[in-house]
Amino acid sequence: MSRNAKIAAGGVAVGIILLFWLPWWAALLIVLGVPAAAYLTLDPVQRRRVRRVTRKEIGR
């Protein structure tokens, strides 16, 4: 299993555990807030690189 697949599987497992342990709105806030906070910590150059890669993957 690749490194990214392991990270994705771990994220899904943590998300399922949070849904049972916390109210649904708190779990949703964590699931959406962590990636948003990570994106906001990037430099403008790194953000452009992330957007460019994302556009290439969806075929633009």
PDB file of N, CA and C in Angstrom:
ATOM      1  N   MET A   1       0.852  -1.174   0.000  1.00  0.00           N
ATOM      2  CA  MET A   1       0.000   0.000   0.000  1.00  0.00           C
ATOM      3  C   MET A   1       0.897   1.237   0.000  1.00  0.00           C
ATOM      4  N   SER A   2       0.546   2.211  -0.824  1.00  0.00           N
ATOM      5  CA  SER A   2       1.371   3.418  -0.904  1.00  0.00           C
ATOM      6  C   SER A   2       1.185   4.282   0.346  1.00  0.00           C
ATOM      7  N   ARG A   3       2.073   5.228   0.491  1.00  0.00           N
ATOM      8  CA  ARG A   3       2.030   6.120   1.658  1.00  0.00           C
ATOM      9  C   ARG A   3       0.737   6.934   1.667  1.00  0.00           C
ATOM     10  N   ASN A   4       0.346   7.458   0.501  1.00  0.00           N
ATOM     11  CA  ASN A   4      -0.881   8.259   0.439  1.00  0.00           C
ATOM     12  C   ASN A   4      -2.119   7.425   0.738  1.00  0.00           C
ATOM     13  N   ALA A   5      -2.119   6.169   0.308  1.00  0.00           N
ATOM     14  CA  ALA A   5      -3.258   5.297   0.597  1.00  0.00           C
ATOM     15  C   ALA A   5      -3.359   5.019   2.093  1.00  0.00           C
ATOM     16  N   LYS A   6      -2.220   4.858   2.752  1.00  0.00           N
ATOM     17  CA  LYS A   6      -2.224   4.652   4.205  1.00  0.00           C
ATOM     18  C   LYS A   6      -2.770   5.876   4.930  1.00  0.00           C
ATOM     19  N   ILE A   7      -2.368   7.052   4.474  1.00  0.00           N
ATOM     20  CA  ILE A   7      -2.862   8.292   5.086  1.00  0.00           C
ATOM     21  C   ILE A   7      -4.366   8.431   4.881  1.00  0.00           C
ATOM     22  N   ALA A   8      -4.840   8.123   3.676  1.00  0.00           N
ATOM     23  CA  ALA A   8      -6.273   8.207   3.388  1.00  0.00           C
ATOM     24  C   ALA A   8      -7.062   7.217   4.242  1.00  0.00           C
ATOM     25  N   ALA A   9      -6.555   6.001   4.366  1.00  0.00           N
ATOM     26  CA  ALA A   9      -7.243   4.995   5.177  1.00  0.00           C
ATOM     27  C   ALA A   9      -7.285   5.425   6.640  1.00  0.00           C
ATOM     28  N   GLY A  10      -6.204   5.988   7.132  1.00  0.00           N
ATOM     29  CA  GLY A  10      -6.182   6.486   8.510  1.00  0.00           C
ATOM     30  C   GLY A  10      -7.157   7.629   8.713  1.00  0.00           C
ATOM     31  N   GLY A  11      -7.256   8.511   7.730  1.00  0.00           N
ATOM     32  CA  GLY A  11      -8.201   9.625   7.816  1.00  0.00           C
ATOM     33  C   GLY A  11      -9.642   9.159   7.850  1.00  0.00           C
ATOM     34  N   VAL A  12      -9.952   8.156   7.034  1.00  0.00           N
ATOM     35  CA  VAL A  12     -11.308   7.604   7.035  1.00  0.00           C
ATOM     36  C   VAL A  12     -11.612   6.959   8.387  1.00  0.00           C
ATOM     37  N   ALA A  13     -10.654   6.217   8.919  1.00  0.00           N
ATOM     38  CA  ALA A  13     -10.858   5.569  10.216  1.00  0.00           C
ATOM     39  C   ALA A  13     -11.083   6.600  11.317  1.00  0.00           C
ATOM     40  N   VAL A  14     -10.277   7.641  11.319  1.00  0.00           N
ATOM     41  CA  VAL A  14     -10.442   8.696  12.336  1.00  0.00           C
ATOM     42  C   VAL A  14     -11.787   9.394  12.161  1.00  0.00           C
ATOM     43  N   GLY A  15     -12.194   9.643  10.921  1.00  0.00           N
ATOM     44  CA  GLY A  15     -13.485  10.274  10.668  1.00  0.00           C
ATOM     45  C   GLY A  15     -14.645   9.450  11.186  1.00  0.00           C
ATOM     46  N   ILE A  16     -14.594   8.137  10.975  1.00  0.00           N
ATOM     47  CA  ILE A  16     -15.669   7.261  11.458  1.00  0.00           C
ATOM     48  C   ILE A  16     -15.706   7.243  12.985  1.00  0.00           C
ATOM     49  N   ILE A  17     -14.535   7.185  13.602  1.00  0.00           N
ATOM     50  CA  ILE A  17     -14.485   7.206  15.070  1.00  0.00           C
ATOM     51  C   ILE A  17     -15.035   8.520  15.606  1.00  0.00           C
ATOM     52  N   LEU A  18     -14.674   9.634  14.960  1.00  0.00           N
ATOM     53  CA  LEU A  18     -15.174  10.935  15.418  1.00  0.00           C
ATOM     54  C   LEU A  18     -16.687  11.040  15.285  1.00  0.00           C
ATOM     55  N   LEU A  19     -17.243  10.447  14.228  1.00  0.00           N
ATOM     56  CA  LEU A  19     -18.699  10.508  14.057  1.00  0.00           C
ATOM     57  C   LEU A  19     -19.428   9.816  15.198  1.00  0.00           C
ATOM     58  N   PHE A  20     -18.855   8.748  15.738  1.00  0.00           N
ATOM     59  CA  PHE A  20     -19.500   8.051  16.847  1.00  0.00           C
ATOM     60  C   PHE A  20     -19.200   8.700  18.188  1.00  0.00           C
ATOM     61  N   TRP A  21     -18.058   9.345  18.304  1.00  0.00           N
ATOM     62  CA  TRP A  21     -17.616   9.890  19.578  1.00  0.00           C
ATOM     63  C   TRP A  21     -18.116  11.313  19.820  1.00  0.00           C
ATOM     64  N   LEU A  22     -18.188  12.112  18.760  1.00  0.00           N
ATOM     65  CA  LEU A  22     -18.607  13.518  18.863  1.00  0.00           C
ATOM     66  C   LEU A  22     -19.956  13.721  18.189  1.00  0.00           C
ATOM     67  N   PRO A  23     -20.616  14.840  18.485  1.00  0.00           N
ATOM     68  CA  PRO A  23     -21.818  15.170  17.712  1.00  0.00           C
ATOM     69  C   PRO A  23     -21.438  15.349  16.227  1.00  0.00           C
ATOM     70  N   TRP A  24     -22.401  15.130  15.336  1.00  0.00           N
ATOM     71  CA  TRP A  24     -22.105  15.159  13.898  1.00  0.00           C
ATOM     72  C   TRP A  24     -21.538  16.508  13.467  1.00  0.00           C
ATOM     73  N   TRP A  25     -22.017  17.608  14.053  1.00  0.00           N
ATOM     74  CA  TRP A  25     -21.552  18.927  13.618  1.00  0.00           C
ATOM     75  C   TRP A  25     -20.105  19.164  14.029  1.00  0.00           C
ATOM     76  N   ALA A  26     -19.685  18.623  15.175  1.00  0.00           N
ATOM     77  CA  ALA A  26     -18.292  18.788  15.609  1.00  0.00           C
ATOM     78  C   ALA A  26     -17.358  17.960  14.728  1.00  0.00           C
ATOM     79  N   ALA A  27     -17.791  16.750  14.378  1.00  0.00           N
ATOM     80  CA  ALA A  27     -16.982  15.915  13.489  1.00  0.00           C
ATOM     81  C   ALA A  27     -16.854  16.576  12.125  1.00  0.00           C
ATOM     82  N   LEU A  28     -17.937  17.147  11.614  1.00  0.00           N
ATOM     83  CA  LEU A  28     -17.906  17.831  10.321  1.00  0.00           C
ATOM     84  C   LEU A  28     -16.986  19.047  10.377  1.00  0.00           C
ATOM     85  N   LEU A  29     -17.037  19.776  11.474  1.00  0.00           N
ATOM     86  CA  LEU A  29     -16.161  20.934  11.639  1.00  0.00           C
ATOM     87  C   LEU A  29     -14.694  20.530  11.621  1.00  0.00           C
ATOM     88  N   ILE A  30     -14.363  19.439  12.257  1.00  0.00           N
ATOM     89  CA  ILE A  30     -12.978  18.956  12.270  1.00  0.00           C
ATOM     90  C   ILE A  30     -12.566  18.476  10.894  1.00  0.00           C
ATOM     91  N   VAL A  31     -13.430  17.700  10.238  1.00  0.00           N
ATOM     92  CA  VAL A  31     -13.106  17.140   8.919  1.00  0.00           C
ATOM     93  C   VAL A  31     -12.899  18.249   7.892  1.00  0.00           C
ATOM     94  N   LEU A  32     -13.673  19.314   7.957  1.00  0.00           N
ATOM     95  CA  LEU A  32     -13.520  20.414   7.011  1.00  0.00           C
ATOM     96  C   LEU A  32     -12.502  21.454   7.479  1.00  0.00           C
ATOM     97  N   GLY A  33     -12.366  21.622   8.779  1.00  0.00           N
ATOM     98  CA  GLY A  33     -11.503  22.676   9.308  1.00  0.00           C
ATOM     99  C   GLY A  33     -10.026  22.363   9.244  1.00  0.00           C
ATOM    100  N   VAL A  34      -9.642  21.116   9.430  1.00  0.00           N
ATOM    101  CA  VAL A  34      -8.218  20.762   9.418  1.00  0.00           C
ATOM    102  C   VAL A  34      -7.593  20.988   8.041  1.00  0.00           C
ATOM    103  N   PRO A  35      -8.197  20.485   6.940  1.00  0.00           N
ATOM    104  CA  PRO A  35      -7.603  20.780   5.629  1.00  0.00           C
ATOM    105  C   PRO A  35      -7.621  22.272   5.284  1.00  0.00           C
ATOM    106  N   ALA A  36      -8.668  22.988   5.696  1.00  0.00           N
ATOM    107  CA  ALA A  36      -8.726  24.420   5.425  1.00  0.00           C
ATOM    108  C   ALA A  36      -7.617  25.156   6.175  1.00  0.00           C
ATOM    109  N   ALA A  37      -7.393  24.796   7.417  1.00  0.00           N
ATOM    110  CA  ALA A  37      -6.319  25.424   8.196  1.00  0.00           C
ATOM    111  C   ALA A  37      -4.957  25.092   7.597  1.00  0.00           C
ATOM    112  N   ALA A  38      -4.782  23.850   7.138  1.00  0.00           N
ATOM    113  CA  ALA A  38      -3.514  23.467   6.512  1.00  0.00           C
ATOM    114  C   ALA A  38      -3.278  24.264   5.244  1.00  0.00           C
ATOM    115  N   TYR A  39      -4.324  24.473   4.441  1.00  0.00           N
ATOM    116  CA  TYR A  39      -4.190  25.253   3.205  1.00  0.00           C
ATOM    117  C   TYR A  39      -3.827  26.701   3.513  1.00  0.00           C
ATOM    118  N   LEU A  40      -4.430  27.256   4.544  1.00  0.00           N
ATOM    119  CA  LEU A  40      -4.166  28.659   4.889  1.00  0.00           C
ATOM    120  C   LEU A  40      -2.750  28.868   5.428  1.00  0.00           C
ATOM    121  N   THR A  41      -2.099  27.817   5.906  1.00  0.00           N
ATOM    122  CA  THR A  41      -0.737  27.962   6.408  1.00  0.00           C
ATOM    123  C   THR A  41       0.310  27.937   5.291  1.00  0.00           C
ATOM    124  N   LEU A  42      -0.109  27.635   4.059  1.00  0.00           N
ATOM    125  CA  LEU A  42       0.839  27.586   2.946  1.00  0.00           C
ATOM    126  C   LEU A  42       1.224  28.987   2.487  1.00  0.00           C
ATOM    127  N   ASP A  43       2.421  29.105   1.914  1.00  0.00           N
ATOM    128  CA  ASP A  43       2.841  30.353   1.269  1.00  0.00           C
ATOM    129  C   ASP A  43       2.021  30.550   0.001  1.00  0.00           C
ATOM    130  N   PRO A  44       1.926  31.785  -0.516  1.00  0.00           N
ATOM    131  CA  PRO A  44       1.210  32.006  -1.775  1.00  0.00           C
ATOM    132  C   PRO A  44       1.760  31.169  -2.930  1.00  0.00           C
ATOM    133  N   VAL A  45       3.075  30.963  -2.974  1.00  0.00           N
ATOM    134  CA  VAL A  45       3.669  30.154  -4.041  1.00  0.00           C
ATOM    135  C   VAL A  45       3.222  28.698  -3.913  1.00  0.00           C
ATOM    136  N   GLN A  46       3.190  28.195  -2.691  1.00  0.00           N
ATOM    137  CA  GLN A  46       2.758  26.813  -2.476  1.00  0.00           C
ATOM    138  C   GLN A  46       1.275  26.646  -2.799  1.00  0.00           C
ATOM    139  N   ARG A  47       0.464  27.660  -2.485  1.00  0.00           N
ATOM    140  CA  ARG A  47      -0.963  27.598  -2.813  1.00  0.00           C
ATOM    141  C   ARG A  47      -1.164  27.537  -4.317  1.00  0.00           C
ATOM    142  N   ARG A  48      -0.396  28.354  -5.081  1.00  0.00           N
ATOM    143  CA  ARG A  48      -0.496  28.308  -6.543  1.00  0.00           C
ATOM    144  C   ARG A  48      -0.133  26.927  -7.066  1.00  0.00           C
ATOM    145  N   ARG A  49       0.900  26.325  -6.499  1.00  0.00           N
ATOM    146  CA  ARG A  49       1.317  24.992  -6.929  1.00  0.00           C
ATOM    147  C   ARG A  49       0.216  23.969  -6.651  1.00  0.00           C
ATOM    148  N   VAL A  50      -0.420  24.056  -5.486  1.00  0.00           N
ATOM    149  CA  VAL A  50      -1.507  23.128  -5.153  1.00  0.00           C
ATOM    150  C   VAL A  50      -2.664  23.311  -6.122  1.00  0.00           C
ATOM    151  N   ARG A  51      -3.041  24.547  -6.417  1.00  0.00           N
ATOM    152  CA  ARG A  51      -4.139  24.789  -7.359  1.00  0.00           C
ATOM    153  C   ARG A  51      -3.799  24.286  -8.749  1.00  0.00           C
ATOM    154  N   ARG A  52      -2.557  24.485  -9.191  1.00  0.00           N
ATOM    155  CA  ARG A  52      -2.136  24.046 -10.523  1.00  0.00           C
ATOM    156  C   ARG A  52      -2.213  22.522 -10.634  1.00  0.00           C
ATOM    157  N   VAL A  53      -1.726  21.819  -9.630  1.00  0.00           N
ATOM    158  CA  VAL A  53      -1.764  20.355  -9.645  1.00  0.00           C
ATOM    159  C   VAL A  53      -3.202  19.867  -9.631  1.00  0.00           C
ATOM    160  N   THR A  54      -4.060  20.488  -8.842  1.00  0.00           N
ATOM    161  CA  THR A  54      -5.454  20.082  -8.753  1.00  0.00           C
ATOM    162  C   THR A  54      -6.140  20.255 -10.100  1.00  0.00           C
ATOM    163  N   ARG A  55      -5.868  21.359 -10.793  1.00  0.00           N
ATOM    164  CA  ARG A  55      -6.482  21.584 -12.114  1.00  0.00           C
ATOM    165  C   ARG A  55      -6.015  20.552 -13.125  1.00  0.00           C
ATOM    166  N   LYS A  56      -4.733  20.181 -13.073  1.00  0.00           N
ATOM    167  CA  LYS A  56      -4.223  19.174 -14.001  1.00  0.00           C
ATOM    168  C   LYS A  56      -4.906  17.835 -13.782  1.00  0.00           C
ATOM    169  N   GLU A  57      -5.173  17.494 -12.535  1.00  0.00           N
ATOM    170  CA  GLU A  57      -5.762  16.198 -12.237  1.00  0.00           C
ATOM    171  C   GLU A  57      -7.208  16.097 -12.702  1.00  0.00           C
ATOM    172  N   ILE A  58      -7.939  17.221 -12.739  1.00  0.00           N
ATOM    173  CA  ILE A  58      -9.333  17.149 -13.188  1.00  0.00           C
ATOM    174  C   ILE A  58      -9.452  17.431 -14.686  1.00  0.00           C
ATOM    175  N   GLY A  59      -8.333  17.578 -15.374  1.00  0.00           N
ATOM    176  CA  GLY A  59      -8.357  17.634 -16.820  1.00  0.00           C
ATOM    177  C   GLY A  59      -8.548  19.002 -17.444  1.00  0.00           C
ATOM    178  N   ARG A  60      -8.230  20.055 -16.746  1.00  0.00           N
ATOM    179  CA  ARG A  60      -8.361  21.398 -17.329  1.00  0.00           C
ATOM    180  C   ARG A  60      -7.154  21.753 -18.140  1.00  0.00           C
TER     181      ARG A  60
END
